[in-house]
């Protein structure tokens, strides 16, 4: 049996001041001015390499760990949807885990990501927003400068 809950005027709640609504308003898609990418390291696994990229999304800094194949799929999607002309490193059939090849590819990936991050329309597209949100979910957050509040101390 479900208990009956009475509702009267004294229990009236101002729903606009609920913490969850305030939180959700802050979670709306924000237009970012830039996203900066910096290649950190390349991890070589048995059959693939994983690139660790520091992402600075307008003050929110985190590490994205991503494979070349995932970036290639993302690049192909952007190329199909937007016709982007940003250079992307080509696939290597042999020796793709060779340190020299990985170093060259890492430099080219960083250049691709830097161009992507400096393109205002592209970086604010739904595709980029979804991609970065997914990568951030699996990544490691370092610091969120957007959460820092400053105040002056009275002397």
C-alpha atoms as a PDB file:
ATOM      1  CA  UNK A   1       0.000   0.000   0.000  1.00  0.00           C
ATOM      2  CA  UNK A   2       1.309   3.444  -0.965  1.00  0.00           C
ATOM      3  CA  UNK A   3       1.079   6.050   1.791  1.00  0.00           C
ATOM      4  CA  UNK A   4      -0.908   9.155   0.978  1.00  0.00           C
ATOM      5  CA  UNK A   5       1.167  12.309   1.035  1.00  0.00           C
ATOM      6  CA  UNK A   6      -0.724  15.519   1.563  1.00  0.00           C
ATOM      7  CA  UNK A   7       0.492  18.710  -0.003  1.00  0.00           C
ATOM      8  CA  UNK A   8      -0.383  22.058   1.469  1.00  0.00           C
ATOM      9  CA  UNK A   9       0.607  25.672   0.896  1.00  0.00           C
ATOM     10  CA  UNK A  10       3.236  25.607   3.668  1.00  0.00           C
ATOM     11  CA  UNK A  11       5.123  22.837   1.889  1.00  0.00           C
ATOM     12  CA  UNK A  12       5.263  24.841  -1.316  1.00  0.00           C
ATOM     13  CA  UNK A  13       8.794  24.608  -2.677  1.00  0.00           C
ATOM     14  CA  UNK A  14      10.367  27.125  -5.007  1.00  0.00           C
ATOM     15  CA  UNK A  15      11.466  24.678  -7.692  1.00  0.00           C
ATOM     16  CA  UNK A  16      13.717  27.263  -9.366  1.00  0.00           C
ATOM     17  CA  UNK A  17      16.064  27.205  -6.355  1.00  0.00           C
ATOM     18  CA  UNK A  18      16.543  23.447  -6.200  1.00  0.00           C
ATOM     19  CA  UNK A  19      20.245  22.504  -6.298  1.00  0.00           C
ATOM     20  CA  UNK A  20      19.719  19.920  -9.034  1.00  0.00           C
ATOM     21  CA  UNK A  21      18.225  22.521 -11.389  1.00  0.00           C
ATOM     22  CA  UNK A  22      21.115  24.867 -10.737  1.00  0.00           C
ATOM     23  CA  UNK A  23      23.533  22.029 -11.482  1.00  0.00           C
ATOM     24  CA  UNK A  24      21.750  21.091 -14.703  1.00  0.00           C
ATOM     25  CA  UNK A  25      21.759  24.693 -15.918  1.00  0.00           C
ATOM     26  CA  UNK A  26      25.528  24.759 -15.455  1.00  0.00           C
ATOM     27  CA  UNK A  27      25.854  21.531 -17.434  1.00  0.00           C
ATOM     28  CA  UNK A  28      24.314  22.985 -20.588  1.00  0.00           C
ATOM     29  CA  UNK A  29      26.558  23.041 -23.607  1.00  0.00           C
ATOM     30  CA  UNK A  30      28.964  25.932 -23.263  1.00  0.00           C
ATOM     31  CA  UNK A  31      30.678  27.545 -26.225  1.00  0.00           C
ATOM     32  CA  UNK A  32      34.406  27.158 -25.662  1.00  0.00           C
ATOM     33  CA  UNK A  33      36.907  29.672 -26.969  1.00  0.00           C
ATOM     34  CA  UNK A  34      39.676  27.150 -27.453  1.00  0.00           C
ATOM     35  CA  UNK A  35      40.848  23.671 -26.659  1.00  0.00           C
ATOM     36  CA  UNK A  36      44.586  23.130 -26.391  1.00  0.00           C
ATOM     37  CA  UNK A  37      46.174  19.740 -26.909  1.00  0.00           C
ATOM     38  CA  UNK A  38      49.688  18.655 -25.923  1.00  0.00           C
ATOM     39  CA  UNK A  39      51.112  15.212 -26.599  1.00  0.00           C
ATOM     40  CA  UNK A  40      52.479  13.710 -23.376  1.00  0.00           C
ATOM     41  CA  UNK A  41      53.664  10.172 -24.105  1.00  0.00           C
ATOM     42  CA  UNK A  42      53.090   7.157 -26.293  1.00  0.00           C
ATOM     43  CA  UNK A  43      52.443   3.821 -24.580  1.00  0.00           C
ATOM     44  CA  UNK A  44      53.338   0.769 -26.633  1.00  0.00           C
ATOM     45  CA  UNK A  45      51.163  -2.246 -25.886  1.00  0.00           C
ATOM     46  CA  UNK A  46      51.518  -5.699 -27.427  1.00  0.00           C
ATOM     47  CA  UNK A  47      49.488  -4.978 -30.576  1.00  0.00           C
ATOM     48  CA  UNK A  48      48.837  -1.228 -30.538  1.00  0.00           C
ATOM     49  CA  UNK A  49      50.033   2.150 -29.352  1.00  0.00           C
ATOM     50  CA  UNK A  50      48.116   4.498 -27.107  1.00  0.00           C
ATOM     51  CA  UNK A  51      48.694   8.240 -27.157  1.00  0.00           C
ATOM     52  CA  UNK A  52      48.404  10.245 -23.957  1.00  0.00           C
ATOM     53  CA  UNK A  53      47.330  13.782 -24.772  1.00  0.00           C
ATOM     54  CA  UNK A  54      46.866  16.602 -22.276  1.00  0.00           C
ATOM     55  CA  UNK A  55      43.648  18.454 -23.057  1.00  0.00           C
ATOM     56  CA  UNK A  56      43.046  21.985 -21.776  1.00  0.00           C
ATOM     57  CA  UNK A  57      39.400  22.688 -22.436  1.00  0.00           C
ATOM     58  CA  UNK A  58      39.127  26.337 -21.419  1.00  0.00           C
ATOM     59  CA  UNK A  59      40.577  25.743 -17.949  1.00  0.00           C
ATOM     60  CA  UNK A  60      39.545  22.126 -17.466  1.00  0.00           C
ATOM     61  CA  UNK A  61      42.708  20.043 -17.850  1.00  0.00           C
ATOM     62  CA  UNK A  62      42.636  16.279 -18.290  1.00  0.00           C
ATOM     63  CA  UNK A  63      44.535  13.437 -19.964  1.00  0.00           C
ATOM     64  CA  UNK A  64      43.060  11.681 -22.987  1.00  0.00           C
ATOM     65  CA  UNK A  65      44.384   8.181 -23.669  1.00  0.00           C
ATOM     66  CA  UNK A  66      43.527   7.287 -27.231  1.00  0.00           C
ATOM     67  CA  UNK A  67      44.458   4.900 -30.007  1.00  0.00           C
ATOM     68  CA  UNK A  68      45.277   5.967 -33.551  1.00  0.00           C
ATOM     69  CA  UNK A  69      42.320   3.985 -34.922  1.00  0.00           C
ATOM     70  CA  UNK A  70      39.877   5.944 -32.733  1.00  0.00           C
ATOM     71  CA  UNK A  71      41.348   9.259 -33.877  1.00  0.00           C
ATOM     72  CA  UNK A  72      41.243   8.093 -37.502  1.00  0.00           C
ATOM     73  CA  UNK A  73      37.523   7.281 -37.232  1.00  0.00           C
ATOM     74  CA  UNK A  74      36.894  10.690 -35.645  1.00  0.00           C
ATOM     75  CA  UNK A  75      38.895  12.430 -38.391  1.00  0.00           C
ATOM     76  CA  UNK A  76      36.999  10.567 -41.131  1.00  0.00           C
ATOM     77  CA  UNK A  77      33.678  11.555 -39.572  1.00  0.00           C
ATOM     78  CA  UNK A  78      34.705  15.233 -39.446  1.00  0.00           C
ATOM     79  CA  UNK A  79      35.959  15.065 -43.023  1.00  0.00           C
ATOM     80  CA  UNK A  80      32.667  13.557 -44.211  1.00  0.00           C
ATOM     81  CA  UNK A  81      30.462  16.011 -42.286  1.00  0.00           C
ATOM     82  CA  UNK A  82      32.458  19.225 -42.649  1.00  0.00           C
ATOM     83  CA  UNK A  83      34.904  18.590 -45.489  1.00  0.00           C
ATOM     84  CA  UNK A  84      37.828  19.559 -43.249  1.00  0.00           C
ATOM     85  CA  UNK A  85      41.224  20.055 -44.862  1.00  0.00           C
ATOM     86  CA  UNK A  86      43.287  19.478 -41.707  1.00  0.00           C
ATOM     87  CA  UNK A  87      46.208  17.102 -42.309  1.00  0.00           C
ATOM     88  CA  UNK A  88      46.050  13.754 -40.519  1.00  0.00           C
ATOM     89  CA  UNK A  89      48.805  11.104 -40.349  1.00  0.00           C
ATOM     90  CA  UNK A  90      48.270   8.260 -42.783  1.00  0.00           C
ATOM     91  CA  UNK A  91      48.026   4.601 -41.863  1.00  0.00           C
ATOM     92  CA  UNK A  92      51.229   2.576 -41.762  1.00  0.00           C
ATOM     93  CA  UNK A  93      51.016  -1.035 -42.898  1.00  0.00           C
ATOM     94  CA  UNK A  94      54.343  -2.253 -41.511  1.00  0.00           C
ATOM     95  CA  UNK A  95      56.375  -1.066 -38.549  1.00  0.00           C
ATOM     96  CA  UNK A  96      53.535   0.877 -36.969  1.00  0.00           C
ATOM     97  CA  UNK A  97      54.939   0.142 -33.481  1.00  0.00           C
ATOM     98  CA  UNK A  98      58.465   1.253 -34.384  1.00  0.00           C
ATOM     99  CA  UNK A  99      59.535   4.085 -32.011  1.00  0.00           C
ATOM    100  CA  UNK A 100      60.583   6.362 -34.899  1.00  0.00           C
ATOM    101  CA  UNK A 101      57.231   5.863 -36.664  1.00  0.00           C
ATOM    102  CA  UNK A 102      55.328   6.456 -33.422  1.00  0.00           C
ATOM    103  CA  UNK A 103      57.265   9.651 -32.726  1.00  0.00           C
ATOM    104  CA  UNK A 104      56.499  11.063 -36.199  1.00  0.00           C
ATOM    105  CA  UNK A 105      52.858  10.040 -35.908  1.00  0.00           C
ATOM    106  CA  UNK A 106      52.565  11.614 -32.435  1.00  0.00           C
ATOM    107  CA  UNK A 107      53.862  14.934 -33.811  1.00  0.00           C
ATOM    108  CA  UNK A 108      51.347  14.814 -36.685  1.00  0.00           C
ATOM    109  CA  UNK A 109      48.493  13.883 -34.341  1.00  0.00           C
ATOM    110  CA  UNK A 110      49.367  16.829 -32.104  1.00  0.00           C
ATOM    111  CA  UNK A 111      49.354  19.187 -35.116  1.00  0.00           C
ATOM    112  CA  UNK A 112      45.956  17.821 -36.169  1.00  0.00           C
ATOM    113  CA  UNK A 113      44.527  18.276 -32.670  1.00  0.00           C
ATOM    114  CA  UNK A 114      45.987  21.788 -32.347  1.00  0.00           C
ATOM    115  CA  UNK A 115      44.372  22.870 -35.621  1.00  0.00           C
ATOM    116  CA  UNK A 116      41.114  21.277 -34.524  1.00  0.00           C
ATOM    117  CA  UNK A 117      41.245  23.032 -31.145  1.00  0.00           C
ATOM    118  CA  UNK A 118      41.855  26.442 -32.704  1.00  0.00           C
ATOM    119  CA  UNK A 119      38.929  26.161 -35.156  1.00  0.00           C
ATOM    120  CA  UNK A 120      36.051  27.792 -33.239  1.00  0.00           C
ATOM    121  CA  UNK A 121      33.203  26.396 -35.359  1.00  0.00           C
ATOM    122  CA  UNK A 122      34.616  22.897 -35.519  1.00  0.00           C
ATOM    123  CA  UNK A 123      35.546  22.554 -31.844  1.00  0.00           C
ATOM    124  CA  UNK A 124      32.049  23.722 -30.836  1.00  0.00           C
ATOM    125  CA  UNK A 125      30.280  21.313 -33.187  1.00  0.00           C
ATOM    126  CA  UNK A 126      28.125  18.555 -31.704  1.00  0.00           C
ATOM    127  CA  UNK A 127      30.530  15.931 -33.072  1.00  0.00           C
ATOM    128  CA  UNK A 128      33.576  17.434 -31.329  1.00  0.00           C
ATOM    129  CA  UNK A 129      31.641  18.081 -28.135  1.00  0.00           C
ATOM    130  CA  UNK A 130      30.428  14.469 -28.019  1.00  0.00           C
ATOM    131  CA  UNK A 131      33.891  13.134 -28.841  1.00  0.00           C
ATOM    132  CA  UNK A 132      35.622  15.187 -26.139  1.00  0.00           C
ATOM    133  CA  UNK A 133      32.920  14.405 -23.572  1.00  0.00           C
ATOM    134  CA  UNK A 134      33.359  10.683 -24.187  1.00  0.00           C
ATOM    135  CA  UNK A 135      37.151  10.921 -24.057  1.00  0.00           C
ATOM    136  CA  UNK A 136      37.012  12.994 -20.876  1.00  0.00           C
ATOM    137  CA  UNK A 137      34.768  10.397 -19.254  1.00  0.00           C
ATOM    138  CA  UNK A 138      37.442   7.749 -19.825  1.00  0.00           C
ATOM    139  CA  UNK A 139      40.352  10.123 -19.219  1.00  0.00           C
ATOM    140  CA  UNK A 140      42.049  11.372 -16.088  1.00  0.00           C
ATOM    141  CA  UNK A 141      41.177  14.826 -14.756  1.00  0.00           C
ATOM    142  CA  UNK A 142      44.138  16.818 -13.527  1.00  0.00           C
ATOM    143  CA  UNK A 143      42.612  20.145 -12.510  1.00  0.00           C
ATOM    144  CA  UNK A 144      39.503  22.168 -13.145  1.00  0.00           C
ATOM    145  CA  UNK A 145      40.393  25.861 -13.115  1.00  0.00           C
ATOM    146  CA  UNK A 146      36.759  26.723 -13.807  1.00  0.00           C
ATOM    147  CA  UNK A 147      35.896  25.538 -10.276  1.00  0.00           C
ATOM    148  CA  UNK A 148      38.320  27.913  -8.565  1.00  0.00           C
ATOM    149  CA  UNK A 149      36.872  30.971  -6.867  1.00  0.00           C
ATOM    150  CA  UNK A 150      38.931  33.985  -5.913  1.00  0.00           C
ATOM    151  CA  UNK A 151      38.187  36.444  -3.151  1.00  0.00           C
ATOM    152  CA  UNK A 152      40.036  39.227  -1.379  1.00  0.00           C
ATOM    153  CA  UNK A 153      40.898  39.062   2.284  1.00  0.00           C
ATOM    154  CA  UNK A 154      40.007  42.031   4.433  1.00  0.00           C
ATOM    155  CA  UNK A 155      43.103  43.620   5.933  1.00  0.00           C
END
